[in-house]
Protein backbone atom coordinates (compact mmCIF):
# COMPACT_ATOMS: atom_id res chain seq x y z
CA UNK A 1 -24.39 29.02 59.16
CA UNK A 2 -21.78 26.92 57.12
CA UNK A 3 -20.07 30.28 55.85
CA UNK A 4 -19.85 31.05 59.81
CA UNK A 5 -18.81 27.15 60.35
CA UNK A 6 -15.51 27.38 58.36
CA UNK A 7 -14.85 30.91 58.94
CA UNK A 8 -14.36 29.86 62.66
CA UNK A 9 -11.62 27.35 61.37
CA UNK A 10 -10.13 29.52 58.79
CA UNK A 11 -11.91 28.28 55.91
CA UNK A 12 -13.63 30.80 53.77
CA UNK A 13 -16.69 29.24 51.77
CA UNK A 14 -17.10 32.25 49.33
CA UNK A 15 -13.43 32.36 48.56
CA UNK A 16 -13.55 28.82 48.09
CA UNK A 17 -16.39 29.01 45.42
CA UNK A 18 -14.53 31.73 43.78
CA UNK A 19 -11.58 29.91 43.93
CA UNK A 20 -12.59 27.22 41.84
CA UNK A 21 -14.48 30.03 39.30
CA UNK A 22 -11.24 31.88 39.18
CA UNK A 23 -9.04 28.60 37.88
CA UNK A 24 -11.58 28.00 35.19
CA UNK A 25 -11.12 31.81 34.22
CA UNK A 26 -7.46 31.56 34.62
CA UNK A 27 -6.92 27.95 32.32
CA UNK A 28 -9.08 29.64 29.73
CA UNK A 29 -7.19 33.02 29.66
CA UNK A 30 -3.75 31.45 30.00
CA UNK A 31 -4.25 29.00 26.71
CA UNK A 32 -5.33 31.98 24.99
CA UNK A 33 -2.54 34.02 25.73
CA UNK A 34 -0.13 31.22 25.22
CA UNK A 35 -1.29 30.60 21.91
CA UNK A 36 -1.02 34.22 20.49
CA UNK A 37 2.26 34.44 22.51
CA UNK A 38 3.83 31.52 20.08
CA UNK A 39 2.29 33.00 17.26
CA UNK A 40 3.80 36.41 17.91
CA UNK A 41 6.61 37.97 16.68
CA UNK A 42 8.27 38.45 19.91
CA UNK A 43 7.78 36.10 22.26
CA UNK A 44 7.77 36.58 25.68
CA UNK A 45 9.25 34.25 28.79
CA UNK A 46 5.72 33.22 30.70
CA UNK A 47 6.00 32.59 34.38
CA UNK A 48 2.59 31.45 36.22
CA UNK A 49 1.43 33.61 38.79
CA UNK A 50 -2.56 32.67 39.00
CA UNK A 51 -4.37 35.72 40.75
CA UNK A 52 -7.85 34.51 40.79
CA UNK A 53 -10.02 36.80 42.51
CA UNK A 54 -9.78 40.06 40.73
CA UNK A 55 -11.68 39.41 37.91
CA UNK A 56 -14.99 38.93 40.13
CA UNK A 57 -13.58 41.93 42.18
CA UNK A 58 -15.18 45.73 42.07
CA UNK A 59 -12.86 48.93 41.91
CA UNK A 60 -13.15 49.35 45.38
CA UNK A 61 -15.58 48.69 48.39
CA UNK A 62 -16.67 51.86 49.16
CA UNK A 63 -19.88 50.28 51.45
CA UNK A 64 -17.35 49.15 53.92
CA UNK A 65 -17.56 51.12 57.32
CA UNK A 66 -14.10 51.54 58.03
CA UNK A 67 -14.13 53.09 54.74
CA UNK A 68 -16.87 55.82 55.10
CA UNK A 69 -15.54 56.75 58.67
CA UNK A 70 -12.32 56.98 57.90
CA UNK A 71 -12.83 59.43 55.13
CA UNK A 72 -15.26 60.91 56.99
CA UNK A 73 -13.68 62.24 60.31
CA UNK A 74 -10.00 62.63 58.24
CA UNK A 75 -12.31 65.39 56.87
CA UNK A 76 -13.96 67.00 59.86
CA UNK A 77 -9.95 66.78 61.55
CA UNK A 78 -8.57 68.72 58.02
CA UNK A 79 -11.39 71.26 58.93
CA UNK A 80 -10.34 71.83 62.41
CA UNK A 81 -6.78 71.37 62.17
CA UNK A 82 -5.97 70.95 65.71
CA UNK A 83 -3.25 72.05 67.70
CA UNK A 84 -1.70 68.12 68.49
CA UNK A 85 -3.73 65.08 67.70
CA UNK A 86 -3.69 61.67 69.14
CA UNK A 87 -5.00 58.51 67.64
CA UNK A 88 -5.77 55.15 69.71
CA UNK A 89 -6.31 52.15 68.12
CA UNK A 90 -7.51 53.28 64.70
CA UNK A 91 -6.51 51.62 61.29
CA UNK A 92 -3.14 52.84 60.37
CA UNK A 93 -3.23 51.70 56.46
CA UNK A 94 -6.50 53.82 56.48
CA UNK A 95 -7.83 56.87 58.48
CA UNK A 96 -4.06 57.40 60.41
CA UNK A 97 -2.58 57.55 56.48
CA UNK A 98 -4.96 60.10 55.89
CA UNK A 99 -4.16 62.38 58.90
CA UNK A 100 -0.60 61.81 58.08
CA UNK A 101 -1.24 63.59 54.99
CA UNK A 102 -1.27 66.99 56.19
CA UNK A 103 -0.04 66.80 60.09
CA UNK A 104 1.63 65.06 62.55
CA UNK A 105 0.19 62.07 64.58
CA UNK A 106 0.66 60.30 67.87
CA UNK A 107 -0.66 56.97 67.94
CA UNK A 108 -0.98 54.66 70.52
CA UNK A 109 -1.57 50.73 70.22
CA UNK A 110 -1.35 47.51 72.10
CA UNK A 111 0.10 45.93 68.75
CA UNK A 112 3.51 46.92 67.63
CA UNK A 113 4.31 48.04 64.21
CA UNK A 114 7.60 47.42 62.34
CA UNK A 115 7.82 49.95 60.09
CA UNK A 116 8.48 53.79 60.58
CA UNK A 117 5.91 56.07 59.35
CA UNK A 118 6.63 59.47 58.23
CA UNK A 119 4.51 62.04 60.02
CA UNK A 120 3.42 59.28 62.65
CA UNK A 121 4.85 58.71 66.31
CA UNK A 122 3.82 55.65 67.16
CA UNK A 123 4.01 54.02 70.75
CA UNK A 124 2.90 50.57 71.63
CA UNK A 125 0.95 50.78 74.66
CA UNK A 126 -2.15 49.08 76.29
CA UNK A 127 -4.64 51.88 77.19
CA UNK A 128 -6.64 49.65 79.97
CA UNK A 129 -3.23 49.73 82.40
CA UNK A 130 -2.65 52.50 84.71
CA UNK A 131 0.30 54.31 82.73
CA UNK A 132 0.98 58.19 83.97
CA UNK A 133 -0.82 60.26 81.28
CA UNK A 134 2.43 62.99 80.58
CA UNK A 135 0.63 64.71 77.39
CA UNK A 136 -2.63 66.54 76.81
CA UNK A 137 -4.21 66.59 73.39
CA UNK A 138 -6.41 69.01 71.90
CA UNK A 139 -8.21 66.21 69.57
CA UNK A 140 -8.40 62.71 69.86
CA UNK A 141 -9.79 59.73 67.32
CA UNK A 142 -10.23 56.38 68.35
CA UNK A 143 -12.47 54.70 65.63
CA UNK A 144 -13.82 51.22 65.54
CA UNK A 145 -11.58 50.20 68.68
CA UNK A 146 -13.30 50.69 72.03
CA UNK A 147 -15.35 47.66 71.17
CA UNK A 148 -12.54 45.39 71.72
CA UNK A 149 -11.04 46.31 74.82
CA UNK A 150 -11.11 43.52 77.19
CA UNK A 151 -11.88 40.77 75.25
CA UNK A 152 -8.48 39.50 74.69
CA UNK A 153 -8.41 39.71 71.05
CA UNK A 154 -5.70 41.55 70.33
CA UNK A 155 -3.39 40.19 73.42
CA UNK A 156 -5.37 42.61 76.06
CA UNK A 157 -6.08 41.44 79.24
CA UNK A 158 -9.65 39.83 79.52
CA UNK A 159 -11.81 42.78 81.80
CA UNK A 160 -15.86 43.03 81.17
CA UNK A 161 -15.30 46.82 82.15
CA UNK A 162 -12.25 47.26 79.69
CA UNK A 163 -13.96 49.67 77.17
CA UNK A 164 -15.22 51.94 80.39
CA UNK A 165 -11.29 51.86 81.66
CA UNK A 166 -10.64 52.74 78.00
CA UNK A 167 -12.57 55.79 77.48
CA UNK A 168 -11.31 56.76 81.18
CA UNK A 169 -8.19 56.79 79.86
CA UNK A 170 -8.83 58.76 76.85
CA UNK A 171 -10.59 61.29 78.80
CA UNK A 172 -7.46 61.51 80.93
CA UNK A 173 -5.57 62.69 77.67
CA UNK A 174 -7.94 65.07 76.16
CA UNK A 175 -7.56 68.40 77.61
CA UNK A 176 -10.37 70.24 78.79
CA UNK A 177 -12.57 71.68 75.78
CA UNK A 178 -10.69 68.94 73.47
CA UNK A 179 -12.48 66.88 71.00
CA UNK A 180 -12.54 63.33 70.72
CA UNK A 181 -13.81 61.52 67.36
CA UNK A 182 -14.85 57.99 68.36
CA UNK A 183 -16.55 55.18 66.54
CA UNK A 184 -18.23 52.35 67.73
CA UNK A 185 -20.65 49.31 66.57
CA UNK A 186 -24.56 50.11 67.21
CA UNK A 187 -27.38 47.78 67.46
CA UNK A 188 -29.03 45.60 70.05
CA UNK A 189 -26.47 45.93 72.96
CA UNK A 190 -24.17 42.53 73.22
CA UNK A 191 -20.52 41.25 73.49
CA UNK A 192 -19.96 39.23 70.55
CA UNK A 193 -17.44 37.15 72.44
CA UNK A 194 -13.81 37.56 71.44
CA UNK A 195 -14.87 39.95 68.16
CA UNK A 196 -16.12 42.90 69.33
CA UNK A 197 -19.33 44.67 71.53
CA UNK A 198 -22.23 46.46 69.91
CA UNK A 199 -23.45 49.38 71.86
CA UNK A 200 -27.20 50.58 72.08
CA UNK A 201 -27.44 54.50 71.11
CA UNK A 202 -29.06 54.85 74.46
CA UNK A 203 -26.32 53.63 76.25
CA UNK A 204 -23.67 55.47 74.64
CA UNK A 205 -25.74 58.65 75.22
CA UNK A 206 -25.72 57.98 78.95
CA UNK A 207 -22.14 57.06 78.61
CA UNK A 208 -21.20 60.02 77.68
CA UNK A 209 -23.54 62.59 79.60
CA UNK A 210 -21.62 63.22 82.55
CA UNK A 211 -18.00 63.77 80.79
CA UNK A 212 -19.31 65.14 77.34
CA UNK A 213 -21.15 67.31 75.23
CA UNK A 214 -22.30 65.49 71.66
CA UNK A 215 -21.47 68.12 68.70
CA UNK A 216 -22.58 65.83 65.81
CA UNK A 217 -23.36 62.36 65.08
CA UNK A 218 -23.35 60.33 61.86
CA UNK A 219 -23.88 56.35 61.29
CA UNK A 220 -23.44 53.87 58.75
CA UNK A 221 -26.09 51.36 58.06
CA UNK A 222 -26.27 47.50 57.90
CA UNK A 223 -25.83 48.01 54.21
CA UNK A 224 -22.70 50.41 54.21
CA UNK A 225 -24.58 53.59 53.78
CA UNK A 226 -23.59 56.67 55.17
CA UNK A 227 -25.70 59.20 57.21
CA UNK A 228 -24.02 62.80 57.95
CA UNK A 229 -25.12 65.23 60.56
CA UNK A 230 -28.11 63.16 62.12
CA UNK A 231 -30.26 64.58 65.13
CA UNK A 232 -30.25 62.34 68.00
CA UNK A 233 -33.31 63.63 69.38
CA UNK A 234 -35.68 61.47 67.34
CA UNK A 235 -37.30 58.29 67.27
CA UNK A 236 -35.28 56.36 65.06
CA UNK A 237 -32.37 56.69 67.68
CA UNK A 238 -34.17 54.62 70.20
CA UNK A 239 -34.20 52.14 67.52
CA UNK A 240 -30.57 52.17 67.05
CA UNK A 241 -31.60 53.75 63.55
CA UNK A 242 -32.77 50.42 62.64
CA UNK A 243 -29.26 48.93 62.49
CA UNK A 244 -28.35 45.50 63.79
CA UNK A 245 -24.28 45.78 63.35
CA UNK A 246 -23.91 49.72 62.11
CA UNK A 247 -21.37 52.00 63.08
CA UNK A 248 -22.02 54.94 65.04
CA UNK A 249 -19.65 58.01 64.34
CA UNK A 250 -19.39 60.38 67.71
CA UNK A 251 -17.79 64.09 68.00
CA UNK A 252 -18.00 64.96 71.46
CA UNK A 253 -15.56 67.79 73.60
CA UNK A 254 -14.67 67.16 76.81
CA UNK A 255 -16.44 69.35 79.33
CA UNK A 256 -14.79 71.84 81.79
CA UNK A 257 -15.06 70.84 85.43
């Protein structure tokens, strides 16, 4: 409870404790280095620039949902090499960067970016708006984004059905037989306002049933473990694979009508 309370006001209790430990490490290491430097044949000029957290950190966080989904979906798209691809709201410094190493990507996001990126064509756009769709795509990705639509977190308008509007607009952008790669939090269905929604798998399947064919499902559990190519026709799917805040990764094809 204390951790959540401090987080609301922008404070991080865990980081505060690491900061105290970090200063102890820093002072010990600094005094040792300064002593050795003073006795060295070549004395270096020393400026103070404390980096307090790296000593306690790992080489990288590979249990993070974004790490797994970004790499996994990028590998799938690499194999398919679609004629064109649109990304909506996924992480630029992760997933989109992966794609940009081997293809050109059109990107829509409600938030601006200030830099130009090679192989990335960026357009700032609110997907819940009634804008005209002028281009169809054979392949679209939307990773860990739809759950935010309509909650106002990123400057979008508050709308209870924001995620439904978003998916309808995505469907408009997607060509018939086109493939959509999307991920959302999975678990007991709820809204954690204004952070995100969590979807039950049963709800998502009903939601997709009319317009899409499911090609593949994978998920990341609450502990950060990735399970690939999982069957949805089993008892565990009705219990969201025991996830409270997992990540469901769906690869679906738009049906012809």
